[in-house]
Amino acid sequence: MKIQIKSFWPATFGLLVATLLFCLPGDRFSKASWLEELELDKVVHVGLFAILVFLWCMPARARIKDVRRVNKMYIWITLTFVSYGVIIEFIQRDLIPYRSFDIFDIVADTIGCVIGWFVVRNFTT
C-alpha cells in the first residue's frame, strides 16, 4: 500500500491541535495516579511527534523530486520539531498555569521525531 499525502493541511491541522493541547492549563487533565506510574504521557509525546514529523515530511516529499534535497528537508523538518518540543516545554514552564518543564518530555519528543523521520525515510516510496 502506497501512502501519499500531497497537502500540508493535515500537517497544519495536526500542529494546531498539538499546540492547543500543549497550551492547556494542567488542571484540565485528570490526575489518575496509575497513568503517572505508567508514564503514559511519554508514549503520547513519542506518538504525537512521530505523527507530526510524518505529516510534514510527506507533502514535502511530494513536491521535491531530487533525493538529496528530500533527505535534507526531512532532517530540517525533524530538527524543527525537536526545537518545537523544547520551546513548548519552556512555554509550559513559564506561561501555562499548572504545567511544568520536563526534560523527559523533550527526550520523548526527540524519540518521536526520530521515529517519524525513520518511517518516512525507510518505509514510504
PDB file of N, CA and C in Angstrom:
ATOM      1  N   MET A   1       0.842  -1.179   0.000  1.00  0.00           N
ATOM      2  CA  MET A   1       0.000   0.000   0.000  1.00  0.00           C
ATOM      3  C   MET A   1       0.886   1.242   0.000  1.00  0.00           C
ATOM      4  N   LYS A   2       0.631   2.135  -0.907  1.00  0.00           N
ATOM      5  CA  LYS A   2       1.415   3.352  -1.042  1.00  0.00           C
ATOM      6  C   LYS A   2       0.673   4.510  -0.376  1.00  0.00           C
ATOM      7  N   ILE A   3       1.348   5.143   0.576  1.00  0.00           N
ATOM      8  CA  ILE A   3       0.756   6.282   1.272  1.00  0.00           C
ATOM      9  C   ILE A   3       1.252   7.551   0.607  1.00  0.00           C
ATOM     10  N   GLN A   4       0.307   8.404   0.231  1.00  0.00           N
ATOM     11  CA  GLN A   4       0.665   9.692  -0.343  1.00  0.00           C
ATOM     12  C   GLN A   4      -0.152  10.776   0.342  1.00  0.00           C
ATOM     13  N   ILE A   5       0.544  11.777   0.817  1.00  0.00           N
ATOM     14  CA  ILE A   5      -0.094  12.968   1.357  1.00  0.00           C
ATOM     15  C   ILE A   5       0.552  14.133   0.643  1.00  0.00           C
ATOM     16  N   LYS A   6      -0.214  14.809  -0.195  1.00  0.00           N
ATOM     17  CA  LYS A   6       0.349  15.882  -1.011  1.00  0.00           C
ATOM     18  C   LYS A   6       0.051  17.266  -0.458  1.00  0.00           C
ATOM     19  N   SER A   7      -0.867  17.342   0.482  1.00  0.00           N
ATOM     20  CA  SER A   7      -1.271  18.629   1.038  1.00  0.00           C
ATOM     21  C   SER A   7      -0.671  18.831   2.427  1.00  0.00           C
ATOM     22  N   PHE A   8      -0.392  20.080   2.742  1.00  0.00           N
ATOM     23  CA  PHE A   8       0.089  20.413   4.078  1.00  0.00           C
ATOM     24  C   PHE A   8      -1.061  20.637   5.063  1.00  0.00           C
ATOM     25  N   TRP A   9      -2.309  20.539   4.607  1.00  0.00           N
ATOM     26  CA  TRP A   9      -3.443  20.766   5.508  1.00  0.00           C
ATOM     27  C   TRP A   9      -3.489  19.777   6.678  1.00  0.00           C
ATOM     28  N   PRO A  10      -3.319  18.472   6.463  1.00  0.00           N
ATOM     29  CA  PRO A  10      -3.314  17.565   7.624  1.00  0.00           C
ATOM     30  C   PRO A  10      -2.188  17.900   8.606  1.00  0.00           C
ATOM     31  N   ALA A  11      -1.025  18.268   8.091  1.00  0.00           N
ATOM     32  CA  ALA A  11       0.107  18.619   8.942  1.00  0.00           C
ATOM     33  C   ALA A  11      -0.186  19.894   9.738  1.00  0.00           C
ATOM     34  N   THR A  12      -0.767  20.879   9.071  1.00  0.00           N
ATOM     35  CA  THR A  12      -1.102  22.143   9.731  1.00  0.00           C
ATOM     36  C   THR A  12      -2.148  21.912  10.812  1.00  0.00           C
ATOM     37  N   PHE A  13      -3.165  21.135  10.499  1.00  0.00           N
ATOM     38  CA  PHE A  13      -4.207  20.820  11.482  1.00  0.00           C
ATOM     39  C   PHE A  13      -3.605  20.080  12.682  1.00  0.00           C
ATOM     40  N   GLY A  14      -2.748  19.099  12.412  1.00  0.00           N
ATOM     41  CA  GLY A  14      -2.102  18.352  13.491  1.00  0.00           C
ATOM     42  C   GLY A  14      -1.268  19.245  14.393  1.00  0.00           C
ATOM     43  N   LEU A  15      -0.528  20.174  13.786  1.00  0.00           N
ATOM     44  CA  LEU A  15       0.293  21.099  14.571  1.00  0.00           C
ATOM     45  C   LEU A  15      -0.577  22.020  15.426  1.00  0.00           C
ATOM     46  N   LEU A  16      -1.669  22.502  14.876  1.00  0.00           N
ATOM     47  CA  LEU A  16      -2.575  23.362  15.642  1.00  0.00           C
ATOM     48  C   LEU A  16      -3.199  22.619  16.823  1.00  0.00           C
ATOM     49  N   VAL A  17      -3.633  21.395  16.594  1.00  0.00           N
ATOM     50  CA  VAL A  17      -4.223  20.591  17.680  1.00  0.00           C
ATOM     51  C   VAL A  17      -3.176  20.300  18.753  1.00  0.00           C
ATOM     52  N   ALA A  18      -1.976  19.921  18.336  1.00  0.00           N
ATOM     53  CA  ALA A  18      -0.907  19.632  19.298  1.00  0.00           C
ATOM     54  C   ALA A  18      -0.582  20.868  20.130  1.00  0.00           C
ATOM     55  N   THR A  19      -0.464  22.017  19.478  1.00  0.00           N
ATOM     56  CA  THR A  19      -0.154  23.252  20.199  1.00  0.00           C
ATOM     57  C   THR A  19      -1.263  23.597  21.180  1.00  0.00           C
ATOM     58  N   LEU A  20      -2.496  23.434  20.770  1.00  0.00           N
ATOM     59  CA  LEU A  20      -3.627  23.679  21.673  1.00  0.00           C
ATOM     60  C   LEU A  20      -3.542  22.770  22.900  1.00  0.00           C
ATOM     61  N   LEU A  21      -3.288  21.484  22.688  1.00  0.00           N
ATOM     62  CA  LEU A  21      -3.194  20.547  23.804  1.00  0.00           C
ATOM     63  C   LEU A  21      -2.018  20.868  24.728  1.00  0.00           C
ATOM     64  N   PHE A  22      -0.889  21.247  24.147  1.00  0.00           N
ATOM     65  CA  PHE A  22       0.282  21.576  24.958  1.00  0.00           C
ATOM     66  C   PHE A  22       0.077  22.845  25.769  1.00  0.00           C
ATOM     67  N   CYS A  23      -0.798  23.730  25.292  1.00  0.00           N
ATOM     68  CA  CYS A  23      -1.004  25.011  25.972  1.00  0.00           C
ATOM     69  C   CYS A  23      -2.207  25.028  26.908  1.00  0.00           C
ATOM     70  N   LEU A  24      -2.892  23.909  27.030  1.00  0.00           N
ATOM     71  CA  LEU A  24      -3.983  23.833  28.010  1.00  0.00           C
ATOM     72  C   LEU A  24      -3.406  23.855  29.417  1.00  0.00           C
ATOM     73  N   PRO A  25      -4.074  24.543  30.338  1.00  0.00           N
ATOM     74  CA  PRO A  25      -3.602  24.518  31.731  1.00  0.00           C
ATOM     75  C   PRO A  25      -3.609  23.095  32.282  1.00  0.00           C
ATOM     76  N   GLY A  26      -2.669  22.813  33.165  1.00  0.00           N
ATOM     77  CA  GLY A  26      -2.507  21.470  33.716  1.00  0.00           C
ATOM     78  C   GLY A  26      -3.693  20.966  34.489  1.00  0.00           C
ATOM     79  N   ASP A  27      -4.519  21.864  35.039  1.00  0.00           N
ATOM     80  CA  ASP A  27      -5.675  21.410  35.813  1.00  0.00           C
ATOM     81  C   ASP A  27      -6.806  20.896  34.924  1.00  0.00           C
ATOM     82  N   ARG A  28      -6.635  20.954  33.616  1.00  0.00           N
ATOM     83  CA  ARG A  28      -7.632  20.418  32.675  1.00  0.00           C
ATOM     84  C   ARG A  28      -7.483  18.911  32.462  1.00  0.00           C
ATOM     85  N   PHE A  29      -6.397  18.348  32.950  1.00  0.00           N
ATOM     86  CA  PHE A  29      -6.123  16.928  32.762  1.00  0.00           C
ATOM     87  C   PHE A  29      -6.418  16.165  34.047  1.00  0.00           C
ATOM     88  N   SER A  30      -6.859  14.930  33.892  1.00  0.00           N
ATOM     89  CA  SER A  30      -7.139  14.110  35.068  1.00  0.00           C
ATOM     90  C   SER A  30      -5.833  13.755  35.766  1.00  0.00           C
ATOM     91  N   LYS A  31      -5.928  13.501  37.044  1.00  0.00           N
ATOM     92  CA  LYS A  31      -4.747  13.164  37.845  1.00  0.00           C
ATOM     93  C   LYS A  31      -4.770  11.695  38.251  1.00  0.00           C
ATOM     94  N   ALA A  32      -5.068  10.818  37.317  1.00  0.00           N
ATOM     95  CA  ALA A  32      -5.092   9.383  37.614  1.00  0.00           C
ATOM     96  C   ALA A  32      -3.678   8.913  37.929  1.00  0.00           C
ATOM     97  N   SER A  33      -3.485   8.403  39.126  1.00  0.00           N
ATOM     98  CA  SER A  33      -2.139   8.026  39.570  1.00  0.00           C
ATOM     99  C   SER A  33      -1.574   6.863  38.747  1.00  0.00           C
ATOM    100  N   TRP A  34      -2.423   5.960  38.281  1.00  0.00           N
ATOM    101  CA  TRP A  34      -1.919   4.828  37.504  1.00  0.00           C
ATOM    102  C   TRP A  34      -1.361   5.292  36.163  1.00  0.00           C
ATOM    103  N   LEU A  35      -1.911   6.394  35.612  1.00  0.00           N
ATOM    104  CA  LEU A  35      -1.360   6.937  34.370  1.00  0.00           C
ATOM    105  C   LEU A  35       0.036   7.501  34.598  1.00  0.00           C
ATOM    106  N   GLU A  36       0.212   8.174  35.733  1.00  0.00           N
ATOM    107  CA  GLU A  36       1.521   8.724  36.047  1.00  0.00           C
ATOM    108  C   GLU A  36       2.537   7.614  36.261  1.00  0.00           C
ATOM    109  N   GLU A  37       2.124   6.542  36.913  1.00  0.00           N
ATOM    110  CA  GLU A  37       3.034   5.431  37.172  1.00  0.00           C
ATOM    111  C   GLU A  37       3.470   4.755  35.870  1.00  0.00           C
ATOM    112  N   LEU A  38       2.589   4.669  34.903  1.00  0.00           N
ATOM    113  CA  LEU A  38       2.918   4.044  33.623  1.00  0.00           C
ATOM    114  C   LEU A  38       3.685   4.980  32.686  1.00  0.00           C
ATOM    115  N   GLU A  39       3.742   6.261  33.057  1.00  0.00           N
ATOM    116  CA  GLU A  39       4.374   7.261  32.196  1.00  0.00           C
ATOM    117  C   GLU A  39       3.735   7.268  30.805  1.00  0.00           C
ATOM    118  N   LEU A  40       2.419   7.093  30.768  1.00  0.00           N
ATOM    119  CA  LEU A  40       1.687   7.096  29.502  1.00  0.00           C
ATOM    120  C   LEU A  40       1.869   8.417  28.757  1.00  0.00           C
ATOM    121  N   ASP A  41       2.077   9.470  29.512  1.00  0.00           N
ATOM    122  CA  ASP A  41       2.311  10.790  28.934  1.00  0.00           C
ATOM    123  C   ASP A  41       3.478  10.759  27.947  1.00  0.00           C
ATOM    124  N   LYS A  42       4.509  10.023  28.259  1.00  0.00           N
ATOM    125  CA  LYS A  42       5.694   9.964  27.389  1.00  0.00           C
ATOM    126  C   LYS A  42       5.385   9.217  26.093  1.00  0.00           C
ATOM    127  N   VAL A  43       4.559   8.195  26.182  1.00  0.00           N
ATOM    128  CA  VAL A  43       4.144   7.449  24.986  1.00  0.00           C
ATOM    129  C   VAL A  43       3.340   8.369  24.061  1.00  0.00           C
ATOM    130  N   VAL A  44       2.486   9.193  24.647  1.00  0.00           N
ATOM    131  CA  VAL A  44       1.707  10.148  23.858  1.00  0.00           C
ATOM    132  C   VAL A  44       2.642  11.137  23.159  1.00  0.00           C
ATOM    133  N   HIS A  45       3.654  11.624  23.874  1.00  0.00           N
ATOM    134  CA  HIS A  45       4.623  12.542  23.264  1.00  0.00           C
ATOM    135  C   HIS A  45       5.340  11.881  22.089  1.00  0.00           C
ATOM    136  N   VAL A  46       5.805  10.663  22.270  1.00  0.00           N
ATOM    137  CA  VAL A  46       6.502   9.949  21.192  1.00  0.00           C
ATOM    138  C   VAL A  46       5.584   9.820  19.976  1.00  0.00           C
ATOM    139  N   GLY A  47       4.377   9.347  20.187  1.00  0.00           N
ATOM    140  CA  GLY A  47       3.435   9.153  19.078  1.00  0.00           C
ATOM    141  C   GLY A  47       3.066  10.442  18.382  1.00  0.00           C
ATOM    142  N   LEU A  48       2.799  11.471  19.160  1.00  0.00           N
ATOM    143  CA  LEU A  48       2.393  12.753  18.584  1.00  0.00           C
ATOM    144  C   LEU A  48       3.500  13.361  17.728  1.00  0.00           C
ATOM    145  N   PHE A  49       4.723  13.332  18.223  1.00  0.00           N
ATOM    146  CA  PHE A  49       5.813  13.917  17.454  1.00  0.00           C
ATOM    147  C   PHE A  49       6.175  13.062  16.237  1.00  0.00           C
ATOM    148  N   ALA A  50       6.042  11.761  16.336  1.00  0.00           N
ATOM    149  CA  ALA A  50       6.264  10.904  15.163  1.00  0.00           C
ATOM    150  C   ALA A  50       5.244  11.239  14.075  1.00  0.00           C
ATOM    151  N   ILE A  51       3.997  11.417  14.471  1.00  0.00           N
ATOM    152  CA  ILE A  51       2.937  11.755  13.512  1.00  0.00           C
ATOM    153  C   ILE A  51       3.178  13.130  12.906  1.00  0.00           C
ATOM    154  N   LEU A  52       3.566  14.114  13.724  1.00  0.00           N
ATOM    155  CA  LEU A  52       3.817  15.458  13.199  1.00  0.00           C
ATOM    156  C   LEU A  52       4.936  15.457  12.153  1.00  0.00           C
ATOM    157  N   VAL A  53       6.046  14.801  12.463  1.00  0.00           N
ATOM    158  CA  VAL A  53       7.147  14.747  11.504  1.00  0.00           C
ATOM    159  C   VAL A  53       6.696  14.036  10.227  1.00  0.00           C
ATOM    160  N   PHE A  54       5.987  12.937  10.374  1.00  0.00           N
ATOM    161  CA  PHE A  54       5.482  12.193   9.216  1.00  0.00           C
ATOM    162  C   PHE A  54       4.583  13.081   8.352  1.00  0.00           C
ATOM    163  N   LEU A  55       3.635  13.773   8.992  1.00  0.00           N
ATOM    164  CA  LEU A  55       2.678  14.589   8.245  1.00  0.00           C
ATOM    165  C   LEU A  55       3.337  15.766   7.535  1.00  0.00           C
ATOM    166  N   TRP A  56       4.426  16.289   8.075  1.00  0.00           N
ATOM    167  CA  TRP A  56       5.118  17.390   7.411  1.00  0.00           C
ATOM    168  C   TRP A  56       6.070  16.898   6.330  1.00  0.00           C
ATOM    169  N   CYS A  57       6.651  15.731   6.517  1.00  0.00           N
ATOM    170  CA  CYS A  57       7.596  15.202   5.527  1.00  0.00           C
ATOM    171  C   CYS A  57       6.905  14.708   4.263  1.00  0.00           C
ATOM    172  N   MET A  58       5.741  14.125   4.401  1.00  0.00           N
ATOM    173  CA  MET A  58       5.078  13.529   3.233  1.00  0.00           C
ATOM    174  C   MET A  58       4.769  14.549   2.128  1.00  0.00           C
ATOM    175  N   PRO A  59       4.130  15.689   2.414  1.00  0.00           N
ATOM    176  CA  PRO A  59       3.884  16.636   1.317  1.00  0.00           C
ATOM    177  C   PRO A  59       5.174  17.295   0.816  1.00  0.00           C
ATOM    178  N   ALA A  60       6.161  17.443   1.692  1.00  0.00           N
ATOM    179  CA  ALA A  60       7.448  17.977   1.230  1.00  0.00           C
ATOM    180  C   ALA A  60       8.046  17.028   0.204  1.00  0.00           C
ATOM    181  N   ARG A  61       7.915  15.745   0.472  1.00  0.00           N
ATOM    182  CA  ARG A  61       8.423  14.735  -0.441  1.00  0.00           C
ATOM    183  C   ARG A  61       7.704  14.771  -1.791  1.00  0.00           C
ATOM    184  N   ALA A  62       6.403  15.011  -1.748  1.00  0.00           N
ATOM    185  CA  ALA A  62       5.617  15.049  -2.987  1.00  0.00           C
ATOM    186  C   ALA A  62       6.012  16.235  -3.866  1.00  0.00           C
ATOM    187  N   ARG A  63       6.567  17.270  -3.271  1.00  0.00           N
ATOM    188  CA  ARG A  63       6.917  18.480  -4.015  1.00  0.00           C
ATOM    189  C   ARG A  63       8.367  18.509  -4.494  1.00  0.00           C
ATOM    190  N   ILE A  64       9.234  17.756  -3.855  1.00  0.00           N
ATOM    191  CA  ILE A  64      10.662  17.792  -4.193  1.00  0.00           C
ATOM    192  C   ILE A  64      11.048  16.463  -4.839  1.00  0.00           C
ATOM    193  N   LYS A  65      11.627  16.527  -6.000  1.00  0.00           N
ATOM    194  CA  LYS A  65      11.963  15.302  -6.733  1.00  0.00           C
ATOM    195  C   LYS A  65      13.403  14.837  -6.509  1.00  0.00           C
ATOM    196  N   ASP A  66      14.311  15.760  -6.211  1.00  0.00           N
ATOM    197  CA  ASP A  66      15.710  15.419  -6.007  1.00  0.00           C
ATOM    198  C   ASP A  66      15.879  14.721  -4.647  1.00  0.00           C
ATOM    199  N   VAL A  67      16.396  13.501  -4.658  1.00  0.00           N
ATOM    200  CA  VAL A  67      16.502  12.683  -3.447  1.00  0.00           C
ATOM    201  C   VAL A  67      17.350  13.358  -2.376  1.00  0.00           C
ATOM    202  N   ARG A  68      18.455  13.973  -2.768  1.00  0.00           N
ATOM    203  CA  ARG A  68      19.316  14.638  -1.778  1.00  0.00           C
ATOM    204  C   ARG A  68      18.600  15.801  -1.110  1.00  0.00           C
ATOM    205  N   ARG A  69      17.863  16.551  -1.887  1.00  0.00           N
ATOM    206  CA  ARG A  69      17.099  17.678  -1.315  1.00  0.00           C
ATOM    207  C   ARG A  69      15.993  17.168  -0.403  1.00  0.00           C
ATOM    208  N   VAL A  70      15.363  16.069  -0.776  1.00  0.00           N
ATOM    209  CA  VAL A  70      14.309  15.489   0.068  1.00  0.00           C
ATOM    210  C   VAL A  70      14.895  15.063   1.408  1.00  0.00           C
ATOM    211  N   ASN A  71      16.036  14.398   1.383  1.00  0.00           N
ATOM    212  CA  ASN A  71      16.654  13.955   2.626  1.00  0.00           C
ATOM    213  C   ASN A  71      17.049  15.130   3.516  1.00  0.00           C
ATOM    214  N   LYS A  72      17.560  16.210   2.920  1.00  0.00           N
ATOM    215  CA  LYS A  72      17.872  17.412   3.699  1.00  0.00           C
ATOM    216  C   LYS A  72      16.610  18.006   4.304  1.00  0.00           C
ATOM    217  N   MET A  73      15.532  18.009   3.521  1.00  0.00           N
ATOM    218  CA  MET A  73      14.266  18.542   4.025  1.00  0.00           C
ATOM    219  C   MET A  73      13.752  17.713   5.192  1.00  0.00           C
ATOM    220  N   TYR A  74      13.863  16.397   5.108  1.00  0.00           N
ATOM    221  CA  TYR A  74      13.468  15.528   6.223  1.00  0.00           C
ATOM    222  C   TYR A  74      14.235  15.889   7.495  1.00  0.00           C
ATOM    223  N   ILE A  75      15.535  16.103   7.336  1.00  0.00           N
ATOM    224  CA  ILE A  75      16.354  16.440   8.505  1.00  0.00           C
ATOM    225  C   ILE A  75      15.935  17.791   9.082  1.00  0.00           C
ATOM    226  N   TRP A  76      15.702  18.769   8.215  1.00  0.00           N
ATOM    227  CA  TRP A  76      15.274  20.084   8.696  1.00  0.00           C
ATOM    228  C   TRP A  76      13.918  20.008   9.403  1.00  0.00           C
ATOM    229  N   ILE A  77      12.995  19.261   8.850  1.00  0.00           N
ATOM    230  CA  ILE A  77      11.682  19.112   9.489  1.00  0.00           C
ATOM    231  C   ILE A  77      11.842  18.438  10.847  1.00  0.00           C
ATOM    232  N   THR A  78      12.649  17.399  10.910  1.00  0.00           N
ATOM    233  CA  THR A  78      12.877  16.684  12.168  1.00  0.00           C
ATOM    234  C   THR A  78      13.493  17.613  13.204  1.00  0.00           C
ATOM    235  N   LEU A  79      14.520  18.352  12.838  1.00  0.00           N
ATOM    236  CA  LEU A  79      15.171  19.276  13.773  1.00  0.00           C
ATOM    237  C   LEU A  79      14.232  20.408  14.200  1.00  0.00           C
ATOM    238  N   THR A  80      13.386  20.841  13.282  1.00  0.00           N
ATOM    239  CA  THR A  80      12.405  21.877  13.617  1.00  0.00           C
ATOM    240  C   THR A  80      11.453  21.384  14.699  1.00  0.00           C
ATOM    241  N   PHE A  81      11.002  20.138  14.586  1.00  0.00           N
ATOM    242  CA  PHE A  81      10.072  19.623  15.594  1.00  0.00           C
ATOM    243  C   PHE A  81      10.756  19.282  16.913  1.00  0.00           C
ATOM    244  N   VAL A  82      12.034  18.926  16.877  1.00  0.00           N
ATOM    245  CA  VAL A  82      12.778  18.778  18.133  1.00  0.00           C
ATOM    246  C   VAL A  82      12.831  20.138  18.825  1.00  0.00           C
ATOM    247  N   SER A  83      13.126  21.186  18.066  1.00  0.00           N
ATOM    248  CA  SER A  83      13.158  22.545  18.619  1.00  0.00           C
ATOM    249  C   SER A  83      11.787  22.965  19.138  1.00  0.00           C
ATOM    250  N   TYR A  84      10.757  22.641  18.404  1.00  0.00           N
ATOM    251  CA  TYR A  84       9.386  22.940  18.828  1.00  0.00           C
ATOM    252  C   TYR A  84       9.090  22.294  20.182  1.00  0.00           C
ATOM    253  N   GLY A  85       9.504  21.044  20.352  1.00  0.00           N
ATOM    254  CA  GLY A  85       9.280  20.350  21.622  1.00  0.00           C
ATOM    255  C   GLY A  85       9.988  21.032  22.779  1.00  0.00           C
ATOM    256  N   VAL A  86      11.210  21.504  22.545  1.00  0.00           N
ATOM    257  CA  VAL A  86      11.958  22.211  23.588  1.00  0.00           C
ATOM    258  C   VAL A  86      11.270  23.539  23.919  1.00  0.00           C
ATOM    259  N   ILE A  87      10.890  24.273  22.900  1.00  0.00           N
ATOM    260  CA  ILE A  87      10.222  25.563  23.108  1.00  0.00           C
ATOM    261  C   ILE A  87       8.920  25.383  23.867  1.00  0.00           C
ATOM    262  N   ILE A  88       8.149  24.367  23.523  1.00  0.00           N
ATOM    263  CA  ILE A  88       6.885  24.101  24.215  1.00  0.00           C
ATOM    264  C   ILE A  88       7.121  23.859  25.702  1.00  0.00           C
ATOM    265  N   GLU A  89       8.182  23.140  26.043  1.00  0.00           N
ATOM    266  CA  GLU A  89       8.471  22.884  27.460  1.00  0.00           C
ATOM    267  C   GLU A  89       8.739  24.183  28.216  1.00  0.00           C
ATOM    268  N   PHE A  90       9.477  25.103  27.610  1.00  0.00           N
ATOM    269  CA  PHE A  90       9.731  26.390  28.262  1.00  0.00           C
ATOM    270  C   PHE A  90       8.450  27.217  28.360  1.00  0.00           C
ATOM    271  N   ILE A  91       7.623  27.171  27.325  1.00  0.00           N
ATOM    272  CA  ILE A  91       6.338  27.878  27.370  1.00  0.00           C
ATOM    273  C   ILE A  91       5.474  27.312  28.488  1.00  0.00           C
ATOM    274  N   GLN A  92       5.424  25.994  28.621  1.00  0.00           N
ATOM    275  CA  GLN A  92       4.636  25.382  29.686  1.00  0.00           C
ATOM    276  C   GLN A  92       5.158  25.813  31.052  1.00  0.00           C
ATOM    277  N   ARG A  93       6.470  25.837  31.210  1.00  0.00           N
ATOM    278  CA  ARG A  93       7.056  26.215  32.499  1.00  0.00           C
ATOM    279  C   ARG A  93       6.755  27.670  32.854  1.00  0.00           C
ATOM    280  N   ASP A  94       6.862  28.561  31.873  1.00  0.00           N
ATOM    281  CA  ASP A  94       6.805  29.985  32.156  1.00  0.00           C
ATOM    282  C   ASP A  94       5.437  30.633  31.957  1.00  0.00           C
ATOM    283  N   LEU A  95       4.591  30.066  31.115  1.00  0.00           N
ATOM    284  CA  LEU A  95       3.364  30.766  30.734  1.00  0.00           C
ATOM    285  C   LEU A  95       2.065  30.011  30.992  1.00  0.00           C
ATOM    286  N   ILE A  96       2.097  28.712  31.148  1.00  0.00           N
ATOM    287  CA  ILE A  96       0.868  27.932  31.251  1.00  0.00           C
ATOM    288  C   ILE A  96       0.648  27.530  32.715  1.00  0.00           C
ATOM    289  N   PRO A  97      -0.496  27.888  33.287  1.00  0.00           N
ATOM    290  CA  PRO A  97      -0.747  27.527  34.687  1.00  0.00           C
ATOM    291  C   PRO A  97      -0.782  26.009  34.900  1.00  0.00           C
ATOM    292  N   TYR A  98      -0.211  25.584  36.003  1.00  0.00           N
ATOM    293  CA  TYR A  98      -0.203  24.179  36.432  1.00  0.00           C
ATOM    294  C   TYR A  98       0.526  23.253  35.455  1.00  0.00           C
ATOM    295  N   ARG A  99       1.404  23.804  34.648  1.00  0.00           N
ATOM    296  CA  ARG A  99       2.245  22.995  33.772  1.00  0.00           C
ATOM    297  C   ARG A  99       3.689  23.238  34.180  1.00  0.00           C
ATOM    298  N   SER A 100       4.555  22.306  33.823  1.00  0.00           N
ATOM    299  CA  SER A 100       5.955  22.449  34.229  1.00  0.00           C
ATOM    300  C   SER A 100       6.884  21.944  33.132  1.00  0.00           C
ATOM    301  N   PHE A 101       8.148  22.264  33.300  1.00  0.00           N
ATOM    302  CA  PHE A 101       9.202  21.816  32.392  1.00  0.00           C
ATOM    303  C   PHE A 101       9.560  20.380  32.760  1.00  0.00           C
ATOM    304  N   ASP A 102       9.648  19.513  31.749  1.00  0.00           N
ATOM    305  CA  ASP A 102      10.018  18.114  31.998  1.00  0.00           C
ATOM    306  C   ASP A 102      11.014  17.680  30.928  1.00  0.00           C
ATOM    307  N   ILE A 103      12.243  17.462  31.353  1.00  0.00           N
ATOM    308  CA  ILE A 103      13.298  17.064  30.417  1.00  0.00           C
ATOM    309  C   ILE A 103      12.963  15.742  29.725  1.00  0.00           C
ATOM    310  N   PHE A 104      12.227  14.881  30.408  1.00  0.00           N
ATOM    311  CA  PHE A 104      11.872  13.592  29.811  1.00  0.00           C
ATOM    312  C   PHE A 104      10.811  13.746  28.722  1.00  0.00           C
ATOM    313  N   ASP A 105      10.033  14.827  28.775  1.00  0.00           N
ATOM    314  CA  ASP A 105       9.134  15.127  27.659  1.00  0.00           C
ATOM    315  C   ASP A 105       9.952  15.489  26.418  1.00  0.00           C
ATOM    316  N   ILE A 106      11.026  16.229  26.616  1.00  0.00           N
ATOM    317  CA  ILE A 106      11.897  16.584  25.491  1.00  0.00           C
ATOM    318  C   ILE A 106      12.543  15.326  24.906  1.00  0.00           C
ATOM    319  N   VAL A 107      12.958  14.419  25.776  1.00  0.00           N
ATOM    320  CA  VAL A 107      13.535  13.156  25.303  1.00  0.00           C
ATOM    321  C   VAL A 107      12.492  12.378  24.502  1.00  0.00           C
ATOM    322  N   ALA A 108      11.264  12.298  25.028  1.00  0.00           N
ATOM    323  CA  ALA A 108      10.192  11.579  24.331  1.00  0.00           C
ATOM    324  C   ALA A 108       9.865  12.260  22.994  1.00  0.00           C
ATOM    325  N   ASP A 109       9.831  13.589  22.985  1.00  0.00           N
ATOM    326  CA  ASP A 109       9.570  14.329  21.737  1.00  0.00           C
ATOM    327  C   ASP A 109      10.639  14.018  20.693  1.00  0.00           C
ATOM    328  N   THR A 110      11.890  14.011  21.129  1.00  0.00           N
ATOM    329  CA  THR A 110      13.007  13.743  20.220  1.00  0.00           C
ATOM    330  C   THR A 110      12.939  12.323  19.670  1.00  0.00           C
ATOM    331  N   ILE A 111      12.632  11.371  20.528  1.00  0.00           N
ATOM    332  CA  ILE A 111      12.479   9.980  20.080  1.00  0.00           C
ATOM    333  C   ILE A 111      11.358   9.886  19.048  1.00  0.00           C
ATOM    334  N   GLY A 112      10.244  10.561  19.310  1.00  0.00           N
ATOM    335  CA  GLY A 112       9.136  10.566  18.359  1.00  0.00           C
ATOM    336  C   GLY A 112       9.530  11.172  17.025  1.00  0.00           C
ATOM    337  N   CYS A 113      10.286  12.270  17.056  1.00  0.00           N
ATOM    338  CA  CYS A 113      10.752  12.902  15.813  1.00  0.00           C
ATOM    339  C   CYS A 113      11.630  11.950  15.013  1.00  0.00           C
ATOM    340  N   VAL A 114      12.529  11.266  15.698  1.00  0.00           N
ATOM    341  CA  VAL A 114      13.427  10.327  15.004  1.00  0.00           C
ATOM    342  C   VAL A 114      12.627   9.163  14.421  1.00  0.00           C
ATOM    343  N   ILE A 115      11.638   8.679  15.147  1.00  0.00           N
ATOM    344  CA  ILE A 115      10.792   7.600  14.631  1.00  0.00           C
ATOM    345  C   ILE A 115      10.041   8.076  13.390  1.00  0.00           C
ATOM    346  N   GLY A 116       9.462   9.276  13.439  1.00  0.00           N
ATOM    347  CA  GLY A 116       8.757   9.820  12.280  1.00  0.00           C
ATOM    348  C   GLY A 116       9.672   9.943  11.079  1.00  0.00           C
ATOM    349  N   TRP A 117      10.881  10.464  11.308  1.00  0.00           N
ATOM    350  CA  TRP A 117      11.870  10.582  10.231  1.00  0.00           C
ATOM    351  C   TRP A 117      12.230   9.199   9.678  1.00  0.00           C
ATOM    352  N   PHE A 118      12.462   8.242  10.566  1.00  0.00           N
ATOM    353  CA  PHE A 118      12.856   6.893  10.156  1.00  0.00           C
ATOM    354  C   PHE A 118      11.762   6.247   9.309  1.00  0.00           C
ATOM    355  N   VAL A 119      10.512   6.393   9.720  1.00  0.00           N
ATOM    356  CA  VAL A 119       9.399   5.783   8.975  1.00  0.00           C
ATOM    357  C   VAL A 119       9.287   6.408   7.596  1.00  0.00           C
ATOM    358  N   VAL A 120       9.326   7.729   7.521  1.00  0.00           N
ATOM    359  CA  VAL A 120       9.207   8.402   6.222  1.00  0.00           C
ATOM    360  C   VAL A 120      10.399   8.031   5.327  1.00  0.00           C
ATOM    361  N   ARG A 121      11.568   8.008   5.910  1.00  0.00           N
ATOM    362  CA  ARG A 121      12.791   7.754   5.154  1.00  0.00           C
ATOM    363  C   ARG A 121      12.866   6.330   4.619  1.00  0.00           C
ATOM    364  N   ASN A 122      12.383   5.364   5.397  1.00  0.00           N
ATOM    365  CA  ASN A 122      12.607   3.972   5.063  1.00  0.00           C
ATOM    366  C   ASN A 122      11.382   3.176   4.614  1.00  0.00           C
ATOM    367  N   PHE A 123      10.181   3.676   4.897  1.00  0.00           N
ATOM    368  CA  PHE A 123       9.005   2.849   4.620  1.00  0.00           C
ATOM    369  C   PHE A 123       7.988   3.496   3.699  1.00  0.00           C
ATOM    370  N   THR A 124       8.339   4.624   3.093  1.00  0.00           N
ATOM    371  CA  THR A 124       7.440   5.231   2.109  1.00  0.00           C
ATOM    372  C   THR A 124       8.181   5.302   0.784  1.00  0.00           C
ATOM    373  N   THR A 125       7.422   5.281  -0.277  1.00  0.00           N
ATOM    374  CA  THR A 125       8.064   5.333  -1.607  1.00  0.00           C
ATOM    375  C   THR A 125       7.606   6.541  -2.382  1.00  0.00           C
TER     376      THR A 125
END
